[in-house]
N, C-alpha and C. Protein backbone atom coordinates (compact mmCIF):
# COMPACT_ATOMS: atom_id res chain seq x y z
N MET A 1 218.68 197.92 69.46
CA MET A 1 219.04 197.29 70.71
C MET A 1 220.11 196.25 70.44
N HIS A 2 221.06 196.19 71.30
CA HIS A 2 222.15 195.23 71.19
C HIS A 2 222.18 194.40 72.47
N ALA A 3 222.00 193.09 72.35
CA ALA A 3 222.05 192.21 73.52
C ALA A 3 223.48 191.83 73.82
N VAL A 4 223.85 191.91 75.07
CA VAL A 4 225.21 191.61 75.50
C VAL A 4 225.21 190.25 76.17
N ASP A 5 225.54 189.23 75.41
CA ASP A 5 225.64 187.86 75.92
C ASP A 5 224.53 187.51 76.90
N ALA A 6 223.31 187.94 76.60
CA ALA A 6 222.12 187.65 77.40
C ALA A 6 222.23 188.13 78.84
N ILE A 7 223.09 189.12 79.11
CA ILE A 7 223.23 189.70 80.44
C ILE A 7 222.44 191.00 80.51
N CYS A 8 222.53 191.80 79.45
CA CYS A 8 221.86 193.08 79.42
C CYS A 8 221.65 193.51 77.97
N THR A 9 220.91 194.58 77.82
CA THR A 9 220.71 195.16 76.50
C THR A 9 221.25 196.58 76.51
N VAL A 10 221.69 197.04 75.35
CA VAL A 10 222.15 198.41 75.18
C VAL A 10 221.36 199.01 74.04
N THR A 11 220.75 200.19 74.31
CA THR A 11 219.93 200.85 73.31
C THR A 11 220.30 202.32 73.25
N LEU A 12 220.56 202.82 72.05
CA LEU A 12 220.81 204.25 71.85
C LEU A 12 219.47 204.97 71.94
N ARG A 13 219.38 205.95 72.82
CA ARG A 13 218.13 206.68 73.05
C ARG A 13 218.31 208.17 72.72
N ASP A 14 217.22 208.77 72.27
CA ASP A 14 217.13 210.22 72.05
C ASP A 14 218.11 210.75 71.02
N TYR A 15 218.50 209.92 70.07
CA TYR A 15 219.31 210.40 68.95
C TYR A 15 218.34 210.98 67.93
N PRO A 16 218.71 212.05 67.25
CA PRO A 16 217.78 212.64 66.28
C PRO A 16 217.23 211.61 65.29
N GLU A 17 215.99 211.81 64.91
CA GLU A 17 215.34 210.90 63.97
C GLU A 17 216.10 210.87 62.65
N GLY A 18 215.91 209.79 61.94
CA GLY A 18 216.54 209.65 60.64
C GLY A 18 217.82 208.84 60.66
N LEU A 19 218.23 208.38 61.82
CA LEU A 19 219.42 207.55 61.91
C LEU A 19 219.07 206.16 61.38
N PRO A 20 219.76 205.70 60.35
CA PRO A 20 219.47 204.36 59.82
C PRO A 20 219.68 203.29 60.89
N ALA A 21 218.86 202.25 60.84
CA ALA A 21 218.94 201.17 61.82
C ALA A 21 220.33 200.55 61.87
N GLN A 22 220.96 200.40 60.72
CA GLN A 22 222.30 199.80 60.67
C GLN A 22 223.31 200.66 61.44
N ALA A 23 223.21 201.97 61.32
CA ALA A 23 224.12 202.88 62.04
C ALA A 23 223.85 202.82 63.54
N ARG A 24 222.58 202.74 63.91
CA ARG A 24 222.21 202.63 65.32
C ARG A 24 222.77 201.35 65.93
N HIS A 25 222.61 200.24 65.23
CA HIS A 25 223.11 198.95 65.73
C HIS A 25 224.64 198.95 65.81
N ALA A 26 225.28 199.57 64.83
CA ALA A 26 226.74 199.66 64.87
C ALA A 26 227.20 200.47 66.07
N ALA A 27 226.53 201.59 66.34
CA ALA A 27 226.90 202.42 67.49
C ALA A 27 226.70 201.65 68.79
N GLU A 28 225.61 200.91 68.90
CA GLU A 28 225.36 200.11 70.11
C GLU A 28 226.42 199.03 70.28
N ALA A 29 226.83 198.40 69.19
CA ALA A 29 227.87 197.37 69.26
C ALA A 29 229.22 197.97 69.66
N ILE A 30 229.54 199.14 69.13
CA ILE A 30 230.78 199.81 69.51
C ILE A 30 230.75 200.18 70.98
N TYR A 31 229.60 200.66 71.45
CA TYR A 31 229.45 201.01 72.86
C TYR A 31 229.76 199.80 73.75
N VAL A 32 229.15 198.67 73.42
CA VAL A 32 229.37 197.44 74.20
C VAL A 32 230.84 197.04 74.18
N LYS A 33 231.43 197.06 73.01
CA LYS A 33 232.83 196.64 72.88
C LYS A 33 233.74 197.54 73.72
N GLU A 34 233.53 198.85 73.64
CA GLU A 34 234.37 199.78 74.39
C GLU A 34 234.09 199.70 75.89
N LEU A 35 232.84 199.52 76.26
CA LEU A 35 232.49 199.37 77.67
C LEU A 35 233.20 198.14 78.24
N GLY A 36 233.13 197.03 77.54
CA GLY A 36 233.81 195.81 77.97
C GLY A 36 235.32 195.97 78.02
N ARG A 37 235.88 196.62 77.00
CA ARG A 37 237.33 196.82 76.97
C ARG A 37 237.79 197.67 78.15
N THR A 38 237.05 198.73 78.43
CA THR A 38 237.44 199.63 79.51
C THR A 38 237.25 198.99 80.88
N LEU A 39 236.23 198.14 81.02
CA LEU A 39 236.01 197.45 82.29
C LEU A 39 236.94 196.25 82.45
N GLY A 40 237.58 195.83 81.38
CA GLY A 40 238.49 194.69 81.45
C GLY A 40 237.97 193.46 80.74
N ALA A 41 236.66 193.35 80.58
CA ALA A 41 236.03 192.23 79.87
C ALA A 41 234.53 192.50 79.78
N VAL A 42 233.91 192.02 78.73
CA VAL A 42 232.46 192.16 78.59
C VAL A 42 231.75 191.50 79.76
N SER A 43 232.32 190.44 80.29
CA SER A 43 231.69 189.74 81.42
C SER A 43 231.60 190.60 82.68
N ARG A 44 232.33 191.70 82.74
CA ARG A 44 232.28 192.59 83.91
C ARG A 44 231.15 193.62 83.81
N ILE A 45 230.49 193.69 82.64
CA ILE A 45 229.41 194.66 82.48
C ILE A 45 228.28 194.38 83.46
N GLY A 46 227.85 193.14 83.56
CA GLY A 46 226.75 192.77 84.45
C GLY A 46 227.03 193.12 85.91
N PRO A 47 228.15 192.67 86.49
CA PRO A 47 228.44 193.02 87.88
C PRO A 47 228.59 194.53 88.11
N ALA A 48 229.18 195.23 87.15
CA ALA A 48 229.32 196.68 87.30
C ALA A 48 227.96 197.36 87.26
N LEU A 49 227.12 196.94 86.35
CA LEU A 49 225.77 197.50 86.26
C LEU A 49 224.98 197.20 87.54
N ASP A 50 225.11 196.00 88.07
CA ASP A 50 224.43 195.65 89.32
C ASP A 50 224.87 196.57 90.46
N ALA A 51 226.16 196.87 90.53
CA ALA A 51 226.69 197.74 91.59
C ALA A 51 226.14 199.16 91.44
N VAL A 52 226.08 199.65 90.22
CA VAL A 52 225.54 201.00 89.98
C VAL A 52 224.07 201.07 90.37
N VAL A 53 223.30 200.08 89.97
CA VAL A 53 221.87 200.05 90.28
C VAL A 53 221.66 199.94 91.80
N ALA A 54 222.44 199.10 92.45
CA ALA A 54 222.32 198.94 93.90
C ALA A 54 222.60 200.26 94.61
N LEU A 55 223.60 200.98 94.17
CA LEU A 55 223.92 202.26 94.79
C LEU A 55 222.80 203.27 94.57
N GLU A 56 222.25 203.26 93.38
CA GLU A 56 221.23 204.23 93.01
C GLU A 56 219.88 203.97 93.67
N PHE A 57 219.51 202.71 93.83
CA PHE A 57 218.15 202.39 94.25
C PHE A 57 218.00 201.74 95.63
N THR A 58 219.09 201.48 96.32
CA THR A 58 218.97 200.87 97.65
C THR A 58 219.81 201.64 98.64
N ASN A 59 219.55 201.40 99.89
CA ASN A 59 220.34 202.00 100.96
C ASN A 59 221.34 201.01 101.52
N ALA A 60 221.48 199.89 100.85
CA ALA A 60 222.37 198.84 101.33
C ALA A 60 223.82 199.32 101.25
N PRO A 61 224.63 198.91 102.21
CA PRO A 61 226.05 199.28 102.14
C PRO A 61 226.71 198.60 100.94
N ILE A 62 227.72 199.26 100.39
CA ILE A 62 228.43 198.68 99.25
C ILE A 62 229.86 198.36 99.67
N SER A 63 230.37 197.33 99.07
CA SER A 63 231.73 196.89 99.40
C SER A 63 232.75 197.74 98.65
N ASP A 64 234.00 197.61 99.04
CA ASP A 64 235.07 198.32 98.36
C ASP A 64 235.17 197.88 96.90
N GLU A 65 234.94 196.58 96.67
CA GLU A 65 234.97 196.06 95.30
C GLU A 65 233.85 196.68 94.46
N GLU A 66 232.67 196.79 95.04
CA GLU A 66 231.55 197.40 94.32
C GLU A 66 231.82 198.88 94.04
N LEU A 67 232.40 199.57 95.00
CA LEU A 67 232.73 200.98 94.82
C LEU A 67 233.74 201.14 93.68
N ALA A 68 234.70 200.26 93.61
CA ALA A 68 235.68 200.30 92.52
C ALA A 68 234.99 200.07 91.17
N LEU A 69 234.04 199.12 91.13
CA LEU A 69 233.30 198.87 89.90
C LEU A 69 232.48 200.09 89.48
N ILE A 70 231.88 200.76 90.43
CA ILE A 70 231.08 201.95 90.13
C ILE A 70 231.96 203.05 89.54
N ARG A 71 233.12 203.23 90.11
CA ARG A 71 234.06 204.23 89.56
C ARG A 71 234.50 203.85 88.15
N GLN A 72 234.79 202.58 87.95
CA GLN A 72 235.17 202.10 86.62
C GLN A 72 234.02 202.29 85.64
N TRP A 73 232.79 202.05 86.10
CA TRP A 73 231.61 202.18 85.24
C TRP A 73 231.50 203.61 84.70
N ASP A 74 231.66 204.58 85.57
CA ASP A 74 231.54 205.97 85.13
C ASP A 74 232.54 206.29 84.02
N TYR A 75 233.76 205.89 84.23
CA TYR A 75 234.80 206.13 83.22
C TYR A 75 234.52 205.33 81.95
N ALA A 76 234.15 204.07 82.11
CA ALA A 76 233.91 203.20 80.96
C ALA A 76 232.72 203.68 80.14
N ALA A 77 231.66 204.11 80.80
CA ALA A 77 230.48 204.59 80.09
C ALA A 77 230.80 205.84 79.28
N MET A 78 231.61 206.73 79.84
CA MET A 78 231.99 207.94 79.12
C MET A 78 232.85 207.59 77.89
N ALA A 79 233.82 206.71 78.08
CA ALA A 79 234.69 206.30 76.97
C ALA A 79 233.89 205.58 75.89
N ALA A 80 232.96 204.72 76.32
CA ALA A 80 232.14 203.98 75.36
C ALA A 80 231.25 204.92 74.55
N ARG A 81 230.67 205.91 75.20
CA ARG A 81 229.82 206.89 74.50
C ARG A 81 230.62 207.64 73.45
N GLN A 82 231.80 208.09 73.83
CA GLN A 82 232.64 208.82 72.89
C GLN A 82 233.00 207.96 71.69
N ALA A 83 233.38 206.72 71.94
CA ALA A 83 233.75 205.81 70.85
C ALA A 83 232.56 205.53 69.94
N ALA A 84 231.40 205.30 70.53
CA ALA A 84 230.22 204.93 69.74
C ALA A 84 229.70 206.08 68.90
N LEU A 85 229.84 207.30 69.39
CA LEU A 85 229.29 208.44 68.66
C LEU A 85 230.29 209.12 67.74
N GLN A 86 231.53 208.69 67.75
CA GLN A 86 232.53 209.39 66.94
C GLN A 86 232.24 209.35 65.45
N TYR A 87 231.56 208.32 64.98
CA TYR A 87 231.24 208.23 63.56
C TYR A 87 229.87 208.80 63.23
N LEU A 88 229.05 209.02 64.27
CA LEU A 88 227.70 209.53 64.05
C LEU A 88 227.63 211.04 64.25
N GLY A 89 228.53 211.57 65.01
CA GLY A 89 228.46 212.98 65.38
C GLY A 89 227.73 213.11 66.70
N GLU A 90 228.10 214.11 67.44
CA GLU A 90 227.51 214.33 68.76
C GLU A 90 226.08 214.81 68.62
N ALA A 91 225.24 214.33 69.47
CA ALA A 91 223.85 214.78 69.53
C ALA A 91 223.52 215.04 70.99
N ARG A 92 223.22 216.26 71.31
CA ARG A 92 222.91 216.62 72.70
C ARG A 92 221.73 215.79 73.20
N GLY A 93 221.89 215.32 74.41
CA GLY A 93 220.79 214.61 75.05
C GLY A 93 220.69 213.13 74.74
N CYS A 94 221.40 212.65 73.73
CA CYS A 94 221.31 211.21 73.45
C CYS A 94 222.14 210.45 74.47
N HIS A 95 221.74 209.23 74.71
CA HIS A 95 222.46 208.41 75.68
C HIS A 95 222.26 206.94 75.34
N PHE A 96 223.07 206.12 75.94
CA PHE A 96 222.96 204.68 75.78
C PHE A 96 222.32 204.13 77.05
N ASP A 97 221.21 203.44 76.87
CA ASP A 97 220.47 202.86 77.97
C ASP A 97 220.91 201.40 78.12
N VAL A 98 221.48 201.08 79.26
CA VAL A 98 221.94 199.71 79.54
C VAL A 98 221.00 199.13 80.58
N GLN A 99 220.33 198.05 80.21
CA GLN A 99 219.35 197.41 81.09
C GLN A 99 219.74 195.97 81.35
N ARG A 100 219.70 195.59 82.60
CA ARG A 100 220.01 194.22 83.00
C ARG A 100 218.82 193.33 82.62
N LEU A 101 219.09 192.18 82.04
CA LEU A 101 218.04 191.21 81.75
C LEU A 101 217.81 190.36 82.99
N HIS A 102 216.56 190.17 83.32
CA HIS A 102 216.21 189.34 84.49
C HIS A 102 215.51 188.10 84.00
N PHE A 103 215.95 186.99 84.50
CA PHE A 103 215.38 185.70 84.07
C PHE A 103 214.47 185.15 85.12
């Protein structure tokens, strides 16, 4: 698990067993770095994640800004996954779980 400035956590899930902890942590760190780079800054991860969750779990209307963040999130998550797994090799079904921390 990799904590992102106490905003959220990123965890590599469903990767085949036997992956050393150091490699897992490195992949999670690369994912965060690329996600932040693609979104424009690591600080945009939280608001983008909030917009995605709101769209997925509520019927509330979303603003144009939130819609733009959701579109950026899809692209950023794909780019981050590719970057993080390039040194590990592709594993079908594995994914990065990004969870918002609630205080």
